[in-house]
Every structure is written in C-alpha cells, then in structure tokens.
C-alpha atoms as a PDB file:
ATOM      1  CA  MET A   1       0.295  -1.481  -0.850  1.00  0.00           C
ATOM      2  CA  ALA A   2       1.472  -5.023   0.207  1.00  0.00           C
ATOM      3  CA  GLU A   3       4.714  -5.014  -1.554  1.00  0.00           C
ATOM      4  CA  GLU A   4       7.864  -3.349   0.001  1.00  0.00           C
ATOM      5  CA  GLY A   5      10.611  -1.694  -2.048  1.00  0.00           C
ATOM      6  CA  ILE A   6       8.814  -0.709  -5.230  1.00  0.00           C
ATOM      7  CA  ALA A   7      10.919   1.871  -7.053  1.00  0.00           C
ATOM      8  CA  LEU A   8       9.642   5.098  -8.126  1.00  0.00           C
ATOM      9  CA  ARG A   9      10.429   4.160 -11.788  1.00  0.00           C
ATOM     10  CA  ASP A  10       8.292   1.025 -11.519  1.00  0.00           C
ATOM     11  CA  ILE A  11       5.186   2.868 -10.031  1.00  0.00           C
ATOM     12  CA  ALA A  12       5.530   5.272 -12.812  1.00  0.00           C
ATOM     13  CA  ALA A  13       5.520   2.352 -15.503  1.00  0.00           C
ATOM     14  CA  VAL A  14       2.393   0.901 -13.949  1.00  0.00           C
ATOM     15  CA  ILE A  15       0.675   4.321 -13.916  1.00  0.00           C
ATOM     16  CA  ALA A  16       1.732   5.271 -17.587  1.00  0.00           C
ATOM     17  CA  HIS A  17       0.762   1.474 -18.734  1.00  0.00           C
ATOM     18  CA  GLY A  18      -2.599   1.882 -17.066  1.00  0.00           C
ATOM     19  CA  LEU A  19      -3.311   5.338 -18.652  1.00  0.00           C
ATOM     20  CA  ASN A  20      -1.971   4.274 -21.978  1.00  0.00           C
ATOM     21  CA  LEU A  21       0.748   6.954 -21.911  1.00  0.00           C
ATOM     22  CA  PRO A  22       4.499   6.767 -23.049  1.00  0.00           C
ATOM     23  CA  LEU A  23       6.921   6.422 -20.217  1.00  0.00           C
ATOM     24  CA  THR A  24       9.502   9.085 -20.872  1.00  0.00           C
ATOM     25  CA  HIS A  25      13.029   9.853 -19.394  1.00  0.00           C
ATOM     26  CA  LEU A  26      13.708  13.204 -17.924  1.00  0.00           C
ATOM     27  CA  ASP A  27      17.226  14.486 -18.063  1.00  0.00           C
ATOM     28  CA  GLU A  28      18.474  16.276 -14.765  1.00  0.00           C
ATOM     29  CA  SER A  29      17.553  19.751 -16.414  1.00  0.00           C
ATOM     30  CA  GLN A  30      13.928  18.537 -16.716  1.00  0.00           C
ATOM     31  CA  VAL A  31      13.298  17.070 -13.288  1.00  0.00           C
ATOM     32  CA  ASP A  32      13.340  20.329 -11.468  1.00  0.00           C
ATOM     33  CA  ALA A  33      10.781  21.816 -13.851  1.00  0.00           C
ATOM     34  CA  TRP A  34       8.701  18.724 -13.932  1.00  0.00           C
ATOM     35  CA  PHE A  35       8.677  17.762 -10.288  1.00  0.00           C
ATOM     36  CA  GLY A  36       9.621  21.348  -8.468  1.00  0.00           C
ATOM     37  CA  TRP A  37       9.838  20.875  -4.857  1.00  0.00           C
ATOM     38  CA  PHE A  38       9.592  17.126  -5.097  1.00  0.00           C
ATOM     39  CA  ALA A  39      12.588  16.922  -7.513  1.00  0.00           C
ATOM     40  CA  PRO A  40      15.403  16.103  -4.805  1.00  0.00           C
ATOM     41  CA  PHE A  41      13.308  13.213  -3.475  1.00  0.00           C
ATOM     42  CA  THR A  42      13.182  11.657  -6.894  1.00  0.00           C
ATOM     43  CA  ALA A  43      17.110  11.359  -7.189  1.00  0.00           C
ATOM     44  CA  LEU A  44      17.258   9.433  -4.090  1.00  0.00           C
ATOM     45  CA  ASP A  45      15.542   6.253  -5.284  1.00  0.00           C
ATOM     46  CA  LEU A  46      13.465   5.983  -2.225  1.00  0.00           C
ATOM     47  CA  ARG A  47      11.313   2.506  -1.956  1.00  0.00           C
ATOM     48  CA  ALA A  48       7.721   2.693  -1.225  1.00  0.00           C
ATOM     49  CA  SER A  49       6.627   0.998   1.932  1.00  0.00           C
ATOM     50  CA  SER A  50       3.280   0.547   3.861  1.00  0.00           C
ATOM     51  CA  ALA A  51       5.100  -0.797   6.978  1.00  0.00           C
ATOM     52  CA  TRP A  52       4.444   2.226   9.244  1.00  0.00           C
ATOM     53  CA  THR A  53       0.839   2.305   8.200  1.00  0.00           C
ATOM     54  CA  ARG A  54       0.111  -1.076   8.802  1.00  0.00           C
ATOM     55  CA  GLU A  55       1.668  -1.030  12.226  1.00  0.00           C
ATOM     56  CA  ARG A  56       0.101   2.373  13.451  1.00  0.00           C
ATOM     57  CA  LEU A  57      -3.357   1.554  11.854  1.00  0.00           C
ATOM     58  CA  GLN A  58      -3.289  -2.106  12.177  1.00  0.00           C
ATOM     59  CA  TRP A  59      -4.057  -2.326   8.791  1.00  0.00           C
ATOM     60  CA  GLN A  60      -3.461  -5.131   6.186  1.00  0.00           C
ATOM     61  CA  PRO A  61      -4.030  -4.628   2.428  1.00  0.00           C
ATOM     62  CA  VAL A  62      -6.710  -6.554   0.901  1.00  0.00           C
ATOM     63  CA  GLY A  63      -6.696  -5.605  -2.907  1.00  0.00           C
ATOM     64  CA  PRO A  64      -4.724  -6.597  -5.784  1.00  0.00           C
ATOM     65  CA  ALA A  65      -1.008  -6.280  -5.689  1.00  0.00           C
ATOM     66  CA  ALA A  66       0.289  -3.273  -7.387  1.00  0.00           C
ATOM     67  CA  GLY A  67       2.917  -5.560  -9.112  1.00  0.00           C
ATOM     68  CA  GLY A  68       5.777  -4.083 -11.225  1.00  0.00           C
ATOM     69  CA  PRO A  69       6.329  -3.364 -14.855  1.00  0.00           C
ATOM     70  CA  ALA A  70       6.890  -6.943 -15.855  1.00  0.00           C
ATOM     71  CA  GLU A  71       3.642  -8.095 -14.249  1.00  0.00           C
ATOM     72  CA  HIS A  72       1.806  -5.762 -16.607  1.00  0.00           C
ATOM     73  CA  GLY A  73       3.761  -6.803 -19.596  1.00  0.00           C
ATOM     74  CA  LEU A  74       6.478  -4.042 -19.509  1.00  0.00           C
ATOM     75  CA  SER A  75      10.072  -4.533 -19.487  1.00  0.00           C
END
C-alpha cells in the first residue's frame, strides 16, 4: 500500500464497509478469543508500512490507494 501509518482499526473499517458488515468493538476479554496468538499485536496500535517491501524489492504500488474510513464514507 502506498500510504504509511494506516491504523488497524481503519483497515478493519474499510474491509467491513467493503463486505457490508458492521464494524464492532471488542472488549479486552473478547480480543484474545477472536485474535488468538495475534491479540497482543492488536493492542500495540502498529501502523502498516510498505517501506521495507518497496526498498528490498524496488517495488512501487500502482493500484488505487487503500484510503481511510473517511474516503469510504465512514466516520
């Protein structure tokens, strides 16, 4: 993806919107059950980046931007 620093929640919002599914909040007790081994990473609010991939593979994204929820009519 061309953009840097897209939050996991924003990615989830775009996916939910595209699949016409509701975006729901998980409380702490639900996160472990839903994400399993990946749960600790969801709490870190890590931002997506393609910098390493672009550098190592000399790749540049050419498709449409992933955008954020606002771009897809979400608040």
